[in-house]
């Protein structure tokens, strides 16, 4: 690290890997065909169902031929919870040479209609069961394909013949014979819409290079080998659910146990116990109910709990490890980064030039070290001038997992791209061992009397002061609003009855100045959150700015 303003984990060399020019369809076909008898998915949606790699590939391929008859559009909508149906739908779409759009049904009707228009989708793969459950979703009058009905109607002879070929014919030869798409590279592979936590949902275009690159990076971390068994319960419209618990298992053979929702923690715990799952992935918000409501015995097979999407509250990692005995690893990523940027690991992976470390892969309070093949800079949030890596500033990233831009939105794309560099919007720093520490979103700071006050720090201080760590849902949130005297003022939203004098005393006892004390407390019925478990920052901001 001769340049104190650049951290590089072999980005240029990684970018030159030839497999990044491949296609998701080709790589998935070859990977699945090589191990056709491996049980890849255990679906526990209604009743337990297993699916082997070869059968998944065969039915997806036959379905992909039908898909070419249903739509001539480039993109195909998909609306499934985690499970076999979502795997088949996504694989069939890419095998047809089209782009899957896993639709976020939690956005609300107007936003969902906008997403369908912007994606130019005229065909949605789903099931009647999902349609009946999601009555508020703007289902088109025509163009909704019931995948269950279609699978039952597939010609059995054709499917069985293909399965026989998958088992006996060399995978690459068969893929060539079937004309499976093989060149993807920078072409669009997947479209996801952001949750809109701080604005209108944006269409994030991820290329084949992005997803293949991130899967290669995850593979290089050695965290998800084929002998682990991962609980897949994150929505597949969520970038982590899409890349890590859908495409990665197909590409790398890491088996998954699917449960429809991360909110159904009792069903998840039952699945862990019954299937001997070893890795649980989620957010701190999704993990909190386990502490009070799940017996430790049910999770005894877990080796790791991997958390992301929001900052882990201080003390929670220790509480988890003490309660359940499994290691708790925090990571970091964004939809625009495909998504995984960094992760704490049980050990430092071999073969990569990380700075010397005594912590061997993990450091409490950090989000780990960058996955291989990336570069990072820290810049001043106002001047964009490079800062030393150890100083807190705006985090910029570069690598094969970085998206090219938002769908048909050059203005918002230009706001977050500086050439090949992605401007994350997060304030961060690196320590001397290369561990990344996220200090908060730039949008979650208020400039009060010339001082940058982080909302998240104030929240966590109050959570500890009022002993709210064990709460299953957020009990408070901080936002900023304009203030004539100081530029901005903090507003404390809370579901509890707090006295401002008591809040001031607790923050003062924690060592913070009066600038960090909320000027106003607003009692609310609940703290708005998104389907991912993160705070709904847009809704929180609206509550803070509304008349008291």
Protein backbone atom coordinates (compact mmCIF):
# COMPACT_ATOMS: atom_id res chain seq x y z
CA UNK A 1 0.00 0.00 0.00
CA UNK A 2 2.49 2.62 -1.16
CA UNK A 3 -0.36 4.99 -2.02
CA UNK A 4 -1.97 5.98 1.28
CA UNK A 5 -5.14 7.09 -0.56
CA UNK A 6 -5.75 3.85 -2.50
CA UNK A 7 -6.55 0.35 -1.27
CA UNK A 8 -6.27 -2.25 -4.05
CA UNK A 9 -7.01 -5.98 -3.70
CA UNK A 10 -5.92 -6.89 -7.23
CA UNK A 11 -8.68 -5.02 -9.08
CA UNK A 12 -6.95 -4.74 -12.47
CA UNK A 13 -5.84 -8.37 -12.54
CA UNK A 14 -9.28 -9.57 -11.50
CA UNK A 15 -10.93 -7.47 -14.21
CA UNK A 16 -8.93 -9.32 -16.85
CA UNK A 17 -10.30 -12.77 -15.94
CA UNK A 18 -11.82 -14.26 -19.12
CA UNK A 19 -14.82 -15.83 -17.38
CA UNK A 20 -16.19 -12.33 -16.70
CA UNK A 21 -17.04 -12.10 -20.42
CA UNK A 22 -19.22 -15.21 -20.18
CA UNK A 23 -23.01 -15.42 -19.80
CA UNK A 24 -25.05 -16.41 -16.73
CA UNK A 25 -26.92 -18.95 -18.85
CA UNK A 26 -23.75 -20.66 -20.04
CA UNK A 27 -22.01 -20.71 -16.66
CA UNK A 28 -25.16 -21.95 -14.87
CA UNK A 29 -25.83 -24.64 -17.48
CA UNK A 30 -22.29 -26.02 -17.31
CA UNK A 31 -22.12 -25.88 -13.50
CA UNK A 32 -25.49 -27.60 -13.01
CA UNK A 33 -24.85 -30.22 -15.70
CA UNK A 34 -21.52 -31.23 -14.16
CA UNK A 35 -23.20 -32.35 -10.93
CA UNK A 36 -26.74 -33.37 -11.99
CA UNK A 37 -27.39 -35.59 -8.97
CA UNK A 38 -26.47 -33.00 -6.34
CA UNK A 39 -29.44 -31.85 -4.23
CA UNK A 40 -29.20 -28.09 -4.71
CA UNK A 41 -32.48 -26.84 -3.22
CA UNK A 42 -34.60 -27.92 -0.28
CA UNK A 43 -37.81 -25.89 -0.49
CA UNK A 44 -39.79 -25.60 2.75
CA UNK A 45 -42.49 -23.21 1.51
CA UNK A 46 -45.49 -25.45 2.17
CA UNK A 47 -44.21 -29.00 2.26
CA UNK A 48 -40.61 -30.12 2.00
CA UNK A 49 -39.43 -30.59 -1.59
CA UNK A 50 -35.96 -31.34 -2.91
CA UNK A 51 -34.63 -30.49 -6.34
CA UNK A 52 -31.43 -31.81 -7.88
CA UNK A 53 -29.25 -29.72 -10.17
CA UNK A 54 -29.94 -31.82 -13.27
CA UNK A 55 -33.73 -31.67 -12.90
CA UNK A 56 -33.60 -27.92 -12.23
CA UNK A 57 -31.62 -27.44 -15.42
CA UNK A 58 -33.84 -29.69 -17.54
CA UNK A 59 -37.20 -28.14 -16.60
CA UNK A 60 -35.77 -24.61 -16.80
CA UNK A 61 -34.44 -25.26 -20.30
CA UNK A 62 -37.73 -26.67 -21.58
CA UNK A 63 -39.62 -23.78 -19.95
CA UNK A 64 -37.23 -21.30 -21.61
CA UNK A 65 -38.36 -22.54 -25.03
CA UNK A 66 -41.98 -21.77 -24.10
CA UNK A 67 -40.93 -18.36 -22.81
CA UNK A 68 -39.78 -17.37 -26.30
CA UNK A 69 -43.40 -17.86 -27.42
CA UNK A 70 -44.87 -15.75 -24.64
CA UNK A 71 -42.97 -12.51 -25.14
CA UNK A 72 -40.68 -10.79 -27.61
CA UNK A 73 -39.60 -8.23 -25.00
CA UNK A 74 -36.06 -8.19 -23.66
CA UNK A 75 -37.07 -8.30 -19.99
CA UNK A 76 -39.36 -10.69 -18.13
CA UNK A 77 -40.95 -9.97 -14.75
CA UNK A 78 -40.65 -12.54 -11.96
CA UNK A 79 -42.67 -12.55 -8.77
CA UNK A 80 -41.79 -15.40 -6.42
CA UNK A 81 -40.74 -15.84 -2.82
CA UNK A 82 -37.45 -17.70 -2.26
CA UNK A 83 -37.91 -21.28 -3.42
CA UNK A 84 -37.81 -23.69 -6.32
CA UNK A 85 -40.18 -21.54 -8.41
CA UNK A 86 -37.86 -18.54 -8.22
CA UNK A 87 -34.86 -20.63 -9.24
CA UNK A 88 -36.66 -22.14 -12.24
CA UNK A 89 -38.10 -18.79 -13.38
CA UNK A 90 -34.78 -16.93 -13.23
CA UNK A 91 -32.82 -19.72 -14.90
CA UNK A 92 -35.43 -20.13 -17.65
CA UNK A 93 -35.32 -16.41 -18.42
CA UNK A 94 -31.53 -16.27 -18.87
CA UNK A 95 -31.52 -19.54 -20.83
CA UNK A 96 -33.97 -17.83 -23.19
CA UNK A 97 -31.44 -15.02 -23.62
CA UNK A 98 -33.63 -12.56 -21.75
CA UNK A 99 -33.27 -10.43 -18.60
CA UNK A 100 -35.02 -11.38 -15.33
CA UNK A 101 -36.67 -8.55 -13.39
CA UNK A 102 -37.41 -9.79 -9.87
CA UNK A 103 -40.17 -7.40 -8.85
CA UNK A 104 -40.29 -5.78 -5.43
CA UNK A 105 -43.93 -6.26 -4.40
CA UNK A 106 -43.46 -4.19 -1.21
CA UNK A 107 -43.01 -0.88 -3.03
CA UNK A 108 -46.71 -0.04 -3.24
CA UNK A 109 -49.01 -0.01 -6.24
CA UNK A 110 -47.93 3.29 -7.83
CA UNK A 111 -44.21 2.51 -7.55
CA UNK A 112 -44.74 -1.04 -8.84
CA UNK A 113 -46.65 0.28 -11.86
CA UNK A 114 -43.78 2.69 -12.54
CA UNK A 115 -41.26 -0.16 -12.32
CA UNK A 116 -43.23 -2.28 -14.80
CA UNK A 117 -43.41 0.65 -17.25
CA UNK A 118 -39.74 1.52 -16.95
CA UNK A 119 -38.67 -2.10 -17.37
CA UNK A 120 -41.05 -2.49 -20.37
CA UNK A 121 -42.31 -5.79 -19.00
CA UNK A 122 -45.31 -7.43 -20.64
CA UNK A 123 -44.85 -10.94 -19.21
CA UNK A 124 -44.66 -11.93 -15.53
CA UNK A 125 -43.76 -15.39 -14.28
CA UNK A 126 -45.52 -16.22 -11.03
CA UNK A 127 -48.19 -18.55 -9.64
CA UNK A 128 -51.87 -18.30 -8.81
CA UNK A 129 -50.98 -18.70 -5.13
CA UNK A 130 -48.76 -15.59 -5.22
CA UNK A 131 -51.38 -13.63 -7.18
CA UNK A 132 -54.04 -14.41 -4.60
CA UNK A 133 -51.74 -13.31 -1.79
CA UNK A 134 -50.59 -10.07 -3.41
CA UNK A 135 -53.93 -8.55 -4.29
CA UNK A 136 -52.58 -4.97 -4.19
CA UNK A 137 -49.90 -5.62 -6.81
CA UNK A 138 -50.80 -4.16 -10.24
CA UNK A 139 -51.05 -7.47 -12.07
CA UNK A 140 -51.57 -6.93 -15.82
CA UNK A 141 -54.81 -8.34 -17.26
CA UNK A 142 -52.83 -10.54 -19.61
CA UNK A 143 -49.27 -11.79 -19.67
CA UNK A 144 -49.15 -13.41 -16.23
CA UNK A 145 -47.83 -16.95 -16.62
CA UNK A 146 -48.57 -19.51 -13.90
CA UNK A 147 -45.28 -21.40 -13.73
CA UNK A 148 -46.79 -24.28 -11.75
CA UNK A 149 -49.39 -24.91 -14.47
CA UNK A 150 -46.76 -24.61 -17.19
CA UNK A 151 -44.39 -27.04 -15.48
CA UNK A 152 -47.18 -29.60 -15.14
CA UNK A 153 -47.92 -29.22 -18.85
CA UNK A 154 -44.32 -29.62 -20.02
CA UNK A 155 -43.79 -32.58 -22.37
CA UNK A 156 -42.41 -35.32 -20.09
CA UNK A 157 -40.63 -37.16 -22.90
CA UNK A 158 -38.67 -34.06 -23.89
CA UNK A 159 -37.74 -33.30 -20.26
CA UNK A 160 -36.65 -36.89 -19.57
CA UNK A 161 -34.58 -36.99 -22.78
CA UNK A 162 -32.81 -33.80 -21.79
CA UNK A 163 -32.15 -35.13 -18.29
CA UNK A 164 -30.60 -38.25 -19.81
CA UNK A 165 -28.39 -36.09 -22.02
CA UNK A 166 -27.37 -33.93 -19.04
CA UNK A 167 -26.25 -37.06 -17.18
CA UNK A 168 -24.31 -38.62 -20.08
CA UNK A 169 -23.09 -35.90 -22.44
CA UNK A 170 -20.18 -33.54 -21.61
CA UNK A 171 -21.66 -30.31 -20.23
CA UNK A 172 -19.96 -27.83 -22.57
CA UNK A 173 -20.64 -29.93 -25.66
CA UNK A 174 -24.34 -30.15 -24.75
CA UNK A 175 -24.51 -26.41 -24.05
CA UNK A 176 -23.03 -25.68 -27.49
CA UNK A 177 -25.41 -28.13 -29.16
CA UNK A 178 -28.41 -26.43 -27.51
CA UNK A 179 -27.03 -22.98 -28.42
CA UNK A 180 -27.03 -21.77 -24.84
CA UNK A 181 -26.03 -18.07 -24.77
CA UNK A 182 -22.31 -17.92 -24.02
CA UNK A 183 -21.26 -14.26 -24.39
CA UNK A 184 -22.60 -11.83 -21.81
CA UNK A 185 -19.88 -9.55 -20.46
CA UNK A 186 -21.19 -6.01 -20.06
CA UNK A 187 -24.66 -6.82 -21.41
CA UNK A 188 -27.60 -6.52 -19.02
CA UNK A 189 -28.11 -9.73 -17.05
CA UNK A 190 -30.51 -8.68 -14.31
CA UNK A 191 -32.60 -5.64 -13.38
CA UNK A 192 -33.36 -4.85 -9.75
CA UNK A 193 -35.22 -1.89 -8.33
CA UNK A 194 -33.83 -0.29 -5.19
CA UNK A 195 -36.00 -0.27 -2.09
CA UNK A 196 -36.21 3.51 -2.17
CA UNK A 197 -35.01 3.99 1.41
CA UNK A 198 -33.82 7.50 0.58
CA UNK A 199 -35.71 8.33 -2.63
CA UNK A 200 -37.71 6.96 -5.56
CA UNK A 201 -36.84 3.39 -6.57
CA UNK A 202 -34.08 3.26 -9.18
CA UNK A 203 -33.61 0.52 -11.76
CA UNK A 204 -30.17 -0.99 -11.12
CA UNK A 205 -28.84 -2.67 -14.25
CA UNK A 206 -26.45 -5.49 -13.35
CA UNK A 207 -24.42 -7.03 -16.14
CA UNK A 208 -23.25 -10.62 -16.57
CA UNK A 209 -19.79 -9.33 -15.66
CA UNK A 210 -21.15 -7.82 -12.45
CA UNK A 211 -22.90 -10.95 -11.16
CA UNK A 212 -20.27 -13.41 -12.37
CA UNK A 213 -17.58 -11.15 -10.90
CA UNK A 214 -19.25 -10.90 -7.51
CA UNK A 215 -19.79 -14.68 -7.39
CA UNK A 216 -16.09 -15.18 -8.19
CA UNK A 217 -15.20 -12.73 -5.42
CA UNK A 218 -17.45 -14.52 -2.91
CA UNK A 219 -15.92 -17.82 -4.00
CA UNK A 220 -12.44 -16.44 -3.43
CA UNK A 221 -13.41 -15.49 0.14
CA UNK A 222 -13.91 -19.25 0.81
CA UNK A 223 -16.96 -18.48 2.96
CA UNK A 224 -19.56 -20.49 1.01
CA UNK A 225 -18.01 -23.80 -0.13
CA UNK A 226 -20.15 -26.66 -1.38
CA UNK A 227 -20.07 -28.47 1.96
CA UNK A 228 -22.00 -25.66 3.70
CA UNK A 229 -25.80 -25.43 3.68
CA UNK A 230 -27.26 -21.92 3.48
CA UNK A 231 -30.68 -20.71 4.59
CA UNK A 232 -32.12 -18.71 1.65
CA UNK A 233 -34.98 -16.57 2.96
CA UNK A 234 -34.14 -13.09 1.68
CA UNK A 235 -36.43 -11.85 -1.12
CA UNK A 236 -34.99 -12.46 -4.58
CA UNK A 237 -35.83 -8.86 -5.48
CA UNK A 238 -33.20 -7.99 -2.84
CA UNK A 239 -29.69 -7.91 -4.33
CA UNK A 240 -28.30 -10.25 -1.67
CA UNK A 241 -31.15 -12.70 -2.20
CA UNK A 242 -30.63 -12.52 -5.95
CA UNK A 243 -26.86 -12.93 -6.21
CA UNK A 244 -25.87 -14.76 -3.04
CA UNK A 245 -28.74 -17.17 -2.43
CA UNK A 246 -29.91 -17.69 -6.02
CA UNK A 247 -27.17 -17.29 -8.66
CA UNK A 248 -24.22 -18.23 -6.44
CA UNK A 249 -25.70 -21.65 -5.51
CA UNK A 250 -26.36 -22.43 -9.19
CA UNK A 251 -22.90 -21.31 -10.26
CA UNK A 252 -20.93 -22.81 -7.37
CA UNK A 253 -23.07 -25.70 -6.13
CA UNK A 254 -23.56 -24.44 -2.58
CA UNK A 255 -26.86 -26.05 -1.43
CA UNK A 256 -29.66 -23.90 -0.03
CA UNK A 257 -32.70 -24.40 2.17
CA UNK A 258 -35.41 -21.95 1.18
CA UNK A 259 -38.00 -20.38 3.48
CA UNK A 260 -40.47 -17.82 2.02
CA UNK A 261 -39.70 -14.89 4.33
CA UNK A 262 -37.01 -13.77 6.80
CA UNK A 263 -39.81 -12.50 9.04
CA UNK A 264 -40.98 -16.07 9.70
CA UNK A 265 -38.14 -16.68 12.13
CA UNK A 266 -39.80 -19.68 13.79
CA UNK A 267 -40.12 -21.44 10.42
CA UNK A 268 -36.51 -20.51 9.67
CA UNK A 269 -35.38 -21.97 13.01
CA UNK A 270 -37.33 -25.16 12.28
CA UNK A 271 -35.65 -25.37 8.86
CA UNK A 272 -32.19 -24.89 10.39
CA UNK A 273 -32.84 -27.68 12.88
CA UNK A 274 -34.46 -30.10 10.43
CA UNK A 275 -31.94 -29.64 7.59
CA UNK A 276 -28.77 -29.08 9.59
CA UNK A 277 -28.20 -25.70 7.95
CA UNK A 278 -24.82 -24.12 8.69
CA UNK A 279 -25.15 -20.50 7.50
CA UNK A 280 -27.92 -17.97 8.17
CA UNK A 281 -27.93 -14.72 6.20
CA UNK A 282 -29.98 -11.65 7.08
CA UNK A 283 -30.07 -8.24 8.69
CA UNK A 284 -29.72 -7.36 12.39
CA UNK A 285 -33.42 -6.44 12.38
CA UNK A 286 -34.34 -9.90 11.10
CA UNK A 287 -31.99 -11.56 13.62
CA UNK A 288 -33.25 -9.79 16.74
CA UNK A 289 -36.39 -11.92 17.31
CA UNK A 290 -34.29 -15.09 17.49
CA UNK A 291 -32.68 -13.93 20.73
CA UNK A 292 -35.94 -13.90 22.69
CA UNK A 293 -38.10 -16.38 20.83
CA UNK A 294 -35.87 -19.22 19.56
CA UNK A 295 -34.29 -21.92 21.72
CA UNK A 296 -30.53 -22.18 21.22
CA UNK A 297 -30.88 -25.92 20.60
CA UNK A 298 -32.73 -25.26 17.32
CA UNK A 299 -29.79 -23.35 15.87
CA UNK A 300 -27.01 -25.63 17.09
CA UNK A 301 -25.99 -26.64 13.53
CA UNK A 302 -25.23 -23.03 12.54
CA UNK A 303 -21.58 -22.11 12.08
CA UNK A 304 -22.12 -18.50 10.99
CA UNK A 305 -24.72 -15.78 11.00
CA UNK A 306 -23.91 -13.22 8.29
CA UNK A 307 -25.46 -9.78 8.65
CA UNK A 308 -25.62 -6.86 6.25
CA UNK A 309 -27.83 -4.06 4.85
CA UNK A 310 -27.73 -2.10 8.13
CA UNK A 311 -25.24 -1.47 10.90
CA UNK A 312 -25.14 -4.08 13.65
CA UNK A 313 -25.97 -2.47 16.99
CA UNK A 314 -23.09 -2.40 19.46
CA UNK A 315 -23.16 -5.50 21.62
CA UNK A 316 -25.48 -7.51 19.41
CA UNK A 317 -22.75 -9.67 17.82
CA UNK A 318 -21.54 -10.74 21.27
CA UNK A 319 -25.12 -11.36 22.38
CA UNK A 320 -25.76 -13.60 19.36
CA UNK A 321 -22.56 -15.58 19.80
CA UNK A 322 -23.16 -16.06 23.53
CA UNK A 323 -26.78 -17.13 22.94
CA UNK A 324 -26.36 -19.48 19.99
CA UNK A 325 -22.67 -20.35 19.81
CA UNK A 326 -22.37 -19.53 16.10
CA UNK A 327 -20.00 -16.83 14.86
CA UNK A 328 -21.56 -13.52 13.84
CA UNK A 329 -20.00 -11.82 10.80
CA UNK A 330 -20.96 -8.38 9.56
CA UNK A 331 -20.56 -7.46 5.90
CA UNK A 332 -21.26 -4.56 3.57
CA UNK A 333 -22.76 -4.19 0.14
CA UNK A 334 -25.16 -2.27 -2.06
CA UNK A 335 -27.44 -3.17 -4.94
CA UNK A 336 -25.11 -1.21 -7.23
CA UNK A 337 -22.16 -3.41 -6.18
CA UNK A 338 -23.93 -6.69 -7.08
CA UNK A 339 -23.97 -6.56 -3.92
CA UNK A 340 -21.11 -7.86 -1.72
CA UNK A 341 -18.20 -5.46 -1.12
CA UNK A 342 -16.68 -6.73 2.12
CA UNK A 343 -17.27 -9.33 4.80
CA UNK A 344 -15.71 -10.47 8.04
CA UNK A 345 -14.46 -14.02 7.67
CA UNK A 346 -13.53 -16.91 9.96
CA UNK A 347 -10.02 -16.69 8.48
CA UNK A 348 -8.13 -14.61 5.93
CA UNK A 349 -8.40 -16.31 2.50
CA UNK A 350 -5.16 -17.55 1.01
CA UNK A 351 -3.69 -16.24 -2.22
CA UNK A 352 -4.49 -12.54 -1.82
CA UNK A 353 -2.23 -9.72 -0.70
CA UNK A 354 -4.06 -8.32 2.32
CA UNK A 355 -2.19 -6.18 4.87
CA UNK A 356 -0.75 -8.13 7.81
CA UNK A 357 -3.35 -8.68 10.51
CA UNK A 358 -3.50 -10.27 13.95
CA UNK A 359 -7.29 -10.64 13.75
CA UNK A 360 -7.19 -13.37 11.05
CA UNK A 361 -10.20 -12.43 9.00
CA UNK A 362 -12.56 -10.61 11.34
CA UNK A 363 -12.59 -7.47 13.45
CA UNK A 364 -15.51 -6.48 15.65
CA UNK A 365 -17.14 -3.19 14.63
CA UNK A 366 -15.87 -3.41 11.07
CA UNK A 367 -17.62 -4.79 7.99
CA UNK A 368 -14.54 -6.84 7.14
CA UNK A 369 -12.03 -6.39 4.35
CA UNK A 370 -12.75 -5.85 0.69
CA UNK A 371 -13.43 -9.00 -1.30
CA UNK A 372 -10.62 -9.67 -3.80
CA UNK A 373 -10.63 -7.77 -7.08
CA UNK A 374 -11.68 -4.33 -5.85
CA UNK A 375 -10.11 -0.94 -5.25
CA UNK A 376 -11.26 1.73 -2.80
CA UNK A 377 -10.64 5.41 -2.15
CA UNK A 378 -11.73 7.80 0.60
CA UNK A 379 -12.50 11.33 -0.58
CA UNK A 380 -13.68 14.57 0.98
CA UNK A 381 -17.49 14.61 0.68
CA UNK A 382 -17.59 18.22 -0.52
CA UNK A 383 -14.38 18.73 -2.53
CA UNK A 384 -14.00 15.07 -3.66
CA UNK A 385 -10.26 15.39 -3.04
CA UNK A 386 -8.54 12.14 -1.97
CA UNK A 387 -8.05 11.65 1.77
CA UNK A 388 -5.81 9.20 3.64
CA UNK A 389 -7.57 5.87 3.99
CA UNK A 390 -7.63 6.17 7.77
CA UNK A 391 -9.65 9.42 7.68
CA UNK A 392 -13.44 9.41 7.58
CA UNK A 393 -14.73 10.44 4.19
CA UNK A 394 -16.87 9.37 1.25
CA UNK A 395 -16.21 5.80 0.10
CA UNK A 396 -15.53 5.18 -3.62
CA UNK A 397 -15.22 1.70 -5.11
CA UNK A 398 -14.04 0.12 -8.35
CA UNK A 399 -14.21 -3.50 -9.52
CA UNK A 400 -15.98 -5.99 -11.79
CA UNK A 401 -18.99 -5.99 -9.44
CA UNK A 402 -19.67 -2.25 -9.91
CA UNK A 403 -22.74 -1.49 -12.02
CA UNK A 404 -22.61 0.80 -15.07
CA UNK A 405 -25.66 2.92 -14.26
CA UNK A 406 -29.37 3.19 -13.58
CA UNK A 407 -31.97 2.20 -16.16
CA UNK A 408 -32.65 5.10 -18.55
CA UNK A 409 -31.52 7.58 -15.90
CA UNK A 410 -28.27 9.28 -16.98
CA UNK A 411 -28.74 12.14 -14.51
CA UNK A 412 -28.89 9.98 -11.39
CA UNK A 413 -26.23 7.67 -12.84
CA UNK A 414 -23.86 10.64 -13.22
CA UNK A 415 -24.43 11.53 -9.55
CA UNK A 416 -22.93 8.23 -8.38
CA UNK A 417 -20.32 7.48 -11.04
CA UNK A 418 -16.92 9.15 -11.46
CA UNK A 419 -15.55 7.26 -14.45
CA UNK A 420 -15.17 3.66 -13.30
CA UNK A 421 -15.49 4.68 -9.65
CA UNK A 422 -18.79 4.27 -7.79
CA UNK A 423 -19.63 6.93 -5.21
CA UNK A 424 -21.32 4.86 -2.52
CA UNK A 425 -22.86 7.68 -0.50
CA UNK A 426 -21.41 6.12 2.66
CA UNK A 427 -18.90 7.76 4.98
CA UNK A 428 -16.19 5.29 5.90
CA UNK A 429 -12.56 4.70 6.84
CA UNK A 430 -10.02 1.84 6.70
CA UNK A 431 -7.68 0.84 9.49
CA UNK A 432 -4.03 -0.15 9.03
CA UNK A 433 -5.00 -3.81 8.50
CA UNK A 434 -7.41 -3.01 5.68
CA UNK A 435 -10.65 -3.43 7.66
CA UNK A 436 -13.50 -1.21 6.52
CA UNK A 437 -15.55 0.78 9.03
CA UNK A 438 -18.81 2.36 7.85
CA UNK A 439 -19.62 5.49 9.80
CA UNK A 440 -23.02 6.05 8.16
CA UNK A 441 -24.81 7.27 5.06
CA UNK A 442 -23.87 10.80 4.01
CA UNK A 443 -27.62 11.46 3.84
CA UNK A 444 -27.86 10.37 7.51
CA UNK A 445 -25.69 13.19 8.84
CA UNK A 446 -26.87 16.64 9.85
CA UNK A 447 -24.57 19.63 9.68
CA UNK A 448 -25.39 21.48 12.90
CA UNK A 449 -23.45 24.59 13.79
CA UNK A 450 -20.69 23.48 11.41
CA UNK A 451 -20.38 20.01 12.98
CA UNK A 452 -21.32 16.75 11.21
CA UNK A 453 -23.67 14.83 13.52
CA UNK A 454 -24.37 11.18 12.56
CA UNK A 455 -27.97 10.10 13.05
CA UNK A 456 -27.03 6.46 13.52
CA UNK A 457 -24.64 7.19 16.37
CA UNK A 458 -27.29 9.17 18.25
CA UNK A 459 -29.79 6.36 17.67
CA UNK A 460 -27.47 3.66 18.96
CA UNK A 461 -26.50 5.72 22.00
CA UNK A 462 -30.16 6.11 22.94
CA UNK A 463 -30.94 2.45 22.22
CA UNK A 464 -28.27 1.48 24.77
CA UNK A 465 -29.21 4.19 27.24
CA UNK A 466 -32.85 3.06 27.30
CA UNK A 467 -31.98 -0.67 27.09
CA UNK A 468 -33.81 -1.25 23.79
CA UNK A 469 -31.30 -3.59 22.15
CA UNK A 470 -33.56 -6.65 22.54
CA UNK A 471 -36.55 -5.00 20.87
CA UNK A 472 -37.82 -6.95 17.84
CA UNK A 473 -38.62 -3.74 15.93
CA UNK A 474 -37.03 -0.27 15.87
CA UNK A 475 -38.26 1.85 18.77
CA UNK A 476 -36.71 5.15 17.71
CA UNK A 477 -35.09 6.95 14.78
CA UNK A 478 -33.26 10.23 14.25
CA UNK A 479 -33.78 12.60 11.34
CA UNK A 480 -32.81 16.19 10.55
CA UNK A 481 -34.91 19.19 9.61
CA UNK A 482 -33.99 22.77 8.65
CA UNK A 483 -33.24 25.14 11.52
CA UNK A 484 -32.79 28.89 11.23
CA UNK A 485 -30.26 29.13 14.06
CA UNK A 486 -27.99 26.12 13.45
CA UNK A 487 -28.71 25.16 9.83
CA UNK A 488 -30.24 21.84 10.88
CA UNK A 489 -31.81 20.37 14.00
CA UNK A 490 -32.26 16.76 15.05
CA UNK A 491 -35.72 15.25 15.48
CA UNK A 492 -36.22 12.12 17.59
CA UNK A 493 -39.05 9.89 16.40
CA UNK A 494 -40.07 7.35 19.03
CA UNK A 495 -42.85 4.94 19.87
CA UNK A 496 -42.14 5.55 23.58
CA UNK A 497 -42.77 8.50 25.86
CA UNK A 498 -39.43 10.28 26.30
CA UNK A 499 -38.73 13.55 28.08
CA UNK A 500 -36.33 15.86 26.26
CA UNK A 501 -34.48 16.64 29.50
CA UNK A 502 -33.86 12.93 30.09
CA UNK A 503 -32.68 12.41 26.49
CA UNK A 504 -30.29 15.36 26.89
CA UNK A 505 -28.94 13.93 30.14
CA UNK A 506 -28.31 10.50 28.62
CA UNK A 507 -26.49 11.94 25.57
CA UNK A 508 -24.48 14.24 27.81
CA UNK A 509 -23.51 11.27 30.00
CA UNK A 510 -22.29 9.50 26.86
CA UNK A 511 -19.97 12.45 26.17
CA UNK A 512 -21.87 14.28 23.42
CA UNK A 513 -22.33 18.04 23.17
CA UNK A 514 -25.65 19.89 22.96
CA UNK A 515 -25.39 19.89 19.15
CA UNK A 516 -26.09 16.13 19.29
CA UNK A 517 -29.27 16.56 21.36
CA UNK A 518 -32.58 16.41 19.44
CA UNK A 519 -34.41 19.70 19.41
CA UNK A 520 -37.77 17.98 19.07
CA UNK A 521 -39.29 14.63 20.10
CA UNK A 522 -42.18 13.30 18.03
CA UNK A 523 -44.27 10.39 19.28
CA UNK A 524 -45.23 7.99 16.46
CA UNK A 525 -47.16 4.71 16.30
CA UNK A 526 -44.27 2.86 14.65
CA UNK A 527 -40.90 3.49 13.04
CA UNK A 528 -41.22 2.96 9.25
CA UNK A 529 -39.11 0.11 7.84
CA UNK A 530 -38.64 -1.52 4.46
CA UNK A 531 -39.02 -5.18 3.47
CA UNK A 532 -35.25 -5.57 3.82
CA UNK A 533 -35.48 -4.65 7.50
CA UNK A 534 -33.75 -1.31 7.00
CA UNK A 535 -35.22 1.97 8.19
CA UNK A 536 -37.44 3.64 5.59
CA UNK A 537 -35.46 6.87 5.53
CA UNK A 538 -37.81 8.65 3.14
CA UNK A 539 -40.84 7.99 5.35
CA UNK A 540 -38.86 8.90 8.48
CA UNK A 541 -37.76 12.17 6.91
CA UNK A 542 -41.35 13.00 5.98
CA UNK A 543 -42.47 12.41 9.58
CA UNK A 544 -39.64 14.58 10.91
CA UNK A 545 -40.46 17.47 8.57
CA UNK A 546 -44.22 17.32 9.13
CA UNK A 547 -45.72 19.91 11.43
CA UNK A 548 -45.36 19.00 15.08
